[in-house]
């Protein structure tokens, strides 16, 4: 159990980090789209 927990913990941290980066990228792209639509209107 302890070995499995140790193996899962680092995976979770890296996963959350990648998720954060992906979220930031999506947020930026969404921000751009929002401003683009604002300019069009």
Foldseek 3Di string as FASTA:
>chain_A
DVVVVVVVVVVVVVVVVVVVVVVVVVVVVVVVVVVVVVVVD
